[in-house]
Amino acid sequence: MNPFNEKGIMSRAFKEILDYGFKNLELNRMEAYVADGNLKSKALPKRFGFLEEGKIRQAEWLYDHYEDEIIYGLLAKDWK
């Protein structure tokens, strides 16, 4: 097991990126593209209020096969 797993590092980094994008850059929208088979990565945007908006079929070559990507979106007005 990776010693950095389960430490909340990605959650803290993700939150900082969202704060910076919405507050400092005054972005209206941010997106996250996640491989459909990566359950932990799919949970991250959902935890921060992103909505699943679509799927791009076979968008990413992962190891030995193509993987669908799920598109998540979050609007500034929905960021807390």
N, C-alpha and C. Protein backbone atom coordinates (compact mmCIF):
# COMPACT_ATOMS: atom_id res chain seq x y z
N MET A 1 0.85 -1.19 0.00
CA MET A 1 0.00 0.00 0.00
C MET A 1 0.89 1.25 0.00
N ASN A 2 0.47 2.23 -0.72
CA ASN A 2 1.17 3.51 -0.81
C ASN A 2 1.03 4.25 0.53
N PRO A 3 2.13 4.75 1.09
CA PRO A 3 2.04 5.44 2.39
C PRO A 3 1.27 6.75 2.34
N PHE A 4 0.99 7.25 1.14
CA PHE A 4 0.25 8.50 1.01
C PHE A 4 -1.24 8.29 0.83
N ASN A 5 -1.67 7.05 0.66
CA ASN A 5 -3.10 6.75 0.53
C ASN A 5 -3.83 6.99 1.84
N GLU A 6 -5.10 7.36 1.71
CA GLU A 6 -6.00 7.51 2.86
C GLU A 6 -5.54 8.60 3.83
N LYS A 7 -4.87 9.61 3.33
CA LYS A 7 -4.41 10.72 4.17
C LYS A 7 -5.18 12.01 3.88
N GLY A 8 -6.05 11.99 2.89
CA GLY A 8 -6.82 13.18 2.54
C GLY A 8 -6.06 14.19 1.71
N ILE A 9 -4.93 13.79 1.18
CA ILE A 9 -4.10 14.71 0.41
C ILE A 9 -4.83 15.20 -0.84
N MET A 10 -5.42 14.29 -1.59
CA MET A 10 -6.13 14.68 -2.81
C MET A 10 -7.33 15.56 -2.50
N SER A 11 -8.04 15.28 -1.43
CA SER A 11 -9.20 16.10 -1.06
C SER A 11 -8.77 17.52 -0.73
N ARG A 12 -7.69 17.66 0.03
CA ARG A 12 -7.21 19.00 0.38
C ARG A 12 -6.73 19.75 -0.86
N ALA A 13 -6.00 19.06 -1.73
CA ALA A 13 -5.50 19.70 -2.95
C ALA A 13 -6.67 20.10 -3.87
N PHE A 14 -7.65 19.22 -3.99
CA PHE A 14 -8.82 19.48 -4.84
C PHE A 14 -9.56 20.72 -4.33
N LYS A 15 -9.75 20.82 -3.02
CA LYS A 15 -10.44 21.97 -2.43
C LYS A 15 -9.67 23.26 -2.69
N GLU A 16 -8.35 23.22 -2.56
CA GLU A 16 -7.54 24.42 -2.80
C GLU A 16 -7.65 24.87 -4.25
N ILE A 17 -7.66 23.93 -5.17
CA ILE A 17 -7.81 24.26 -6.59
C ILE A 17 -9.17 24.91 -6.84
N LEU A 18 -10.21 24.35 -6.24
CA LEU A 18 -11.55 24.92 -6.42
C LEU A 18 -11.62 26.32 -5.82
N ASP A 19 -11.13 26.48 -4.60
CA ASP A 19 -11.12 27.81 -3.98
C ASP A 19 -10.38 28.82 -4.85
N TYR A 20 -9.21 28.46 -5.30
CA TYR A 20 -8.41 29.38 -6.12
C TYR A 20 -9.13 29.72 -7.43
N GLY A 21 -9.67 28.71 -8.08
CA GLY A 21 -10.34 28.93 -9.36
C GLY A 21 -11.56 29.82 -9.24
N PHE A 22 -12.39 29.54 -8.24
CA PHE A 22 -13.63 30.29 -8.11
C PHE A 22 -13.41 31.66 -7.44
N LYS A 23 -12.54 31.74 -6.47
CA LYS A 23 -12.35 33.00 -5.73
C LYS A 23 -11.33 33.92 -6.39
N ASN A 24 -10.15 33.40 -6.70
CA ASN A 24 -9.10 34.26 -7.23
C ASN A 24 -9.24 34.51 -8.72
N LEU A 25 -9.54 33.46 -9.47
CA LEU A 25 -9.65 33.61 -10.93
C LEU A 25 -11.07 33.97 -11.37
N GLU A 26 -12.01 33.91 -10.45
CA GLU A 26 -13.42 34.22 -10.71
C GLU A 26 -13.99 33.39 -11.87
N LEU A 27 -13.61 32.11 -11.91
CA LEU A 27 -14.16 31.22 -12.93
C LEU A 27 -15.63 30.97 -12.65
N ASN A 28 -16.38 30.75 -13.69
CA ASN A 28 -17.79 30.42 -13.54
C ASN A 28 -18.02 28.92 -13.45
N ARG A 29 -17.10 28.15 -14.02
CA ARG A 29 -17.31 26.71 -14.14
C ARG A 29 -15.98 25.98 -14.08
N MET A 30 -16.01 24.83 -13.43
CA MET A 30 -14.84 23.95 -13.44
C MET A 30 -15.32 22.54 -13.76
N GLU A 31 -14.45 21.78 -14.43
CA GLU A 31 -14.79 20.42 -14.85
C GLU A 31 -13.73 19.44 -14.37
N ALA A 32 -14.17 18.20 -14.20
CA ALA A 32 -13.25 17.10 -13.88
C ALA A 32 -13.60 15.94 -14.81
N TYR A 33 -12.57 15.37 -15.43
CA TYR A 33 -12.73 14.21 -16.31
C TYR A 33 -12.09 13.02 -15.61
N VAL A 34 -12.86 11.96 -15.42
CA VAL A 34 -12.40 10.83 -14.62
C VAL A 34 -12.68 9.52 -15.36
N ALA A 35 -11.70 8.62 -15.35
CA ALA A 35 -11.91 7.30 -15.95
C ALA A 35 -13.07 6.60 -15.24
N ASP A 36 -13.96 6.04 -16.01
CA ASP A 36 -15.18 5.44 -15.47
C ASP A 36 -14.88 4.32 -14.48
N GLY A 37 -13.82 3.59 -14.67
CA GLY A 37 -13.50 2.47 -13.79
C GLY A 37 -12.78 2.86 -12.52
N ASN A 38 -12.42 4.12 -12.36
CA ASN A 38 -11.67 4.55 -11.18
C ASN A 38 -12.63 5.07 -10.11
N LEU A 39 -13.06 4.17 -9.25
CA LEU A 39 -14.10 4.51 -8.27
C LEU A 39 -13.67 5.58 -7.28
N LYS A 40 -12.42 5.53 -6.81
CA LYS A 40 -11.97 6.55 -5.85
C LYS A 40 -11.91 7.92 -6.50
N SER A 41 -11.44 7.98 -7.73
CA SER A 41 -11.38 9.27 -8.43
C SER A 41 -12.78 9.79 -8.75
N LYS A 42 -13.72 8.90 -9.02
CA LYS A 42 -15.09 9.34 -9.28
C LYS A 42 -15.74 9.90 -8.02
N ALA A 43 -15.35 9.41 -6.86
CA ALA A 43 -15.93 9.89 -5.60
C ALA A 43 -15.49 11.31 -5.26
N LEU A 44 -14.30 11.69 -5.69
CA LEU A 44 -13.74 13.00 -5.32
C LEU A 44 -14.60 14.17 -5.81
N PRO A 45 -14.89 14.28 -7.11
CA PRO A 45 -15.72 15.43 -7.52
C PRO A 45 -17.12 15.39 -6.91
N LYS A 46 -17.67 14.20 -6.75
CA LYS A 46 -19.01 14.09 -6.14
C LYS A 46 -18.99 14.66 -4.72
N ARG A 47 -17.92 14.39 -3.98
CA ARG A 47 -17.79 14.87 -2.60
C ARG A 47 -17.82 16.39 -2.54
N PHE A 48 -17.39 17.05 -3.60
CA PHE A 48 -17.33 18.51 -3.62
C PHE A 48 -18.49 19.14 -4.37
N GLY A 49 -19.52 18.37 -4.67
CA GLY A 49 -20.73 18.92 -5.25
C GLY A 49 -20.79 18.94 -6.76
N PHE A 50 -19.80 18.35 -7.43
CA PHE A 50 -19.85 18.26 -8.89
C PHE A 50 -21.01 17.36 -9.31
N LEU A 51 -21.58 17.66 -10.44
CA LEU A 51 -22.64 16.83 -11.01
C LEU A 51 -22.10 16.08 -12.21
N GLU A 52 -22.52 14.84 -12.36
CA GLU A 52 -22.14 14.07 -13.55
C GLU A 52 -22.92 14.63 -14.73
N GLU A 53 -22.20 15.04 -15.78
CA GLU A 53 -22.84 15.69 -16.91
C GLU A 53 -22.76 14.90 -18.20
N GLY A 54 -21.94 13.88 -18.22
CA GLY A 54 -21.87 13.11 -19.45
C GLY A 54 -20.75 12.10 -19.44
N LYS A 55 -20.62 11.43 -20.57
CA LYS A 55 -19.61 10.40 -20.74
C LYS A 55 -19.02 10.52 -22.13
N ILE A 56 -17.69 10.41 -22.19
CA ILE A 56 -17.01 10.34 -23.47
C ILE A 56 -16.54 8.90 -23.62
N ARG A 57 -17.04 8.23 -24.62
CA ARG A 57 -16.74 6.81 -24.79
C ARG A 57 -15.32 6.60 -25.29
N GLN A 58 -14.65 5.64 -24.69
CA GLN A 58 -13.31 5.21 -25.08
C GLN A 58 -12.37 6.39 -25.29
N ALA A 59 -12.34 7.30 -24.33
CA ALA A 59 -11.56 8.53 -24.46
C ALA A 59 -10.13 8.41 -23.95
N GLU A 60 -9.85 7.41 -23.16
CA GLU A 60 -8.55 7.32 -22.50
C GLU A 60 -7.98 5.91 -22.65
N TRP A 61 -6.73 5.83 -23.11
CA TRP A 61 -6.03 4.54 -23.18
C TRP A 61 -5.43 4.29 -21.81
N LEU A 62 -5.86 3.24 -21.15
CA LEU A 62 -5.42 2.96 -19.80
C LEU A 62 -4.86 1.55 -19.74
N TYR A 63 -3.55 1.45 -19.60
CA TYR A 63 -2.83 0.18 -19.54
C TYR A 63 -2.94 -0.59 -20.86
N ASP A 64 -4.01 -1.33 -21.07
CA ASP A 64 -4.11 -2.17 -22.27
C ASP A 64 -5.47 -2.07 -22.95
N HIS A 65 -6.24 -1.05 -22.60
CA HIS A 65 -7.59 -0.93 -23.17
C HIS A 65 -8.05 0.53 -23.11
N TYR A 66 -9.10 0.83 -23.87
CA TYR A 66 -9.71 2.15 -23.80
C TYR A 66 -10.71 2.19 -22.66
N GLU A 67 -10.77 3.33 -22.01
CA GLU A 67 -11.66 3.52 -20.87
C GLU A 67 -12.56 4.73 -21.17
N ASP A 68 -13.83 4.63 -20.80
CA ASP A 68 -14.72 5.79 -20.91
C ASP A 68 -14.33 6.82 -19.86
N GLU A 69 -14.57 8.09 -20.15
CA GLU A 69 -14.36 9.15 -19.18
C GLU A 69 -15.70 9.76 -18.80
N ILE A 70 -15.87 9.98 -17.51
CA ILE A 70 -17.06 10.64 -17.00
C ILE A 70 -16.72 12.11 -16.82
N ILE A 71 -17.61 12.98 -17.25
CA ILE A 71 -17.43 14.43 -17.13
C ILE A 71 -18.27 14.92 -15.96
N TYR A 72 -17.60 15.61 -15.04
CA TYR A 72 -18.28 16.23 -13.91
C TYR A 72 -18.11 17.74 -14.03
N GLY A 73 -19.15 18.49 -13.66
CA GLY A 73 -19.09 19.94 -13.73
C GLY A 73 -19.57 20.57 -12.44
N LEU A 74 -19.00 21.73 -12.10
CA LEU A 74 -19.40 22.49 -10.92
C LEU A 74 -19.42 23.96 -11.29
N LEU A 75 -20.49 24.65 -10.95
CA LEU A 75 -20.62 26.09 -11.20
C LEU A 75 -20.25 26.87 -9.95
N ALA A 76 -19.75 28.07 -10.17
CA ALA A 76 -19.33 28.93 -9.06
C ALA A 76 -20.48 29.14 -8.08
N LYS A 77 -21.69 29.32 -8.58
CA LYS A 77 -22.82 29.57 -7.70
C LYS A 77 -23.14 28.39 -6.79
N ASP A 78 -22.66 27.20 -7.15
CA ASP A 78 -22.91 26.00 -6.35
C ASP A 78 -21.74 25.67 -5.41
N TRP A 79 -20.63 26.40 -5.54
CA TRP A 79 -19.47 26.17 -4.67
C TRP A 79 -19.70 26.88 -3.35
N LYS A 80 -19.47 26.19 -2.27
CA LYS A 80 -19.73 26.76 -0.93
C LYS A 80 -18.51 27.48 -0.41
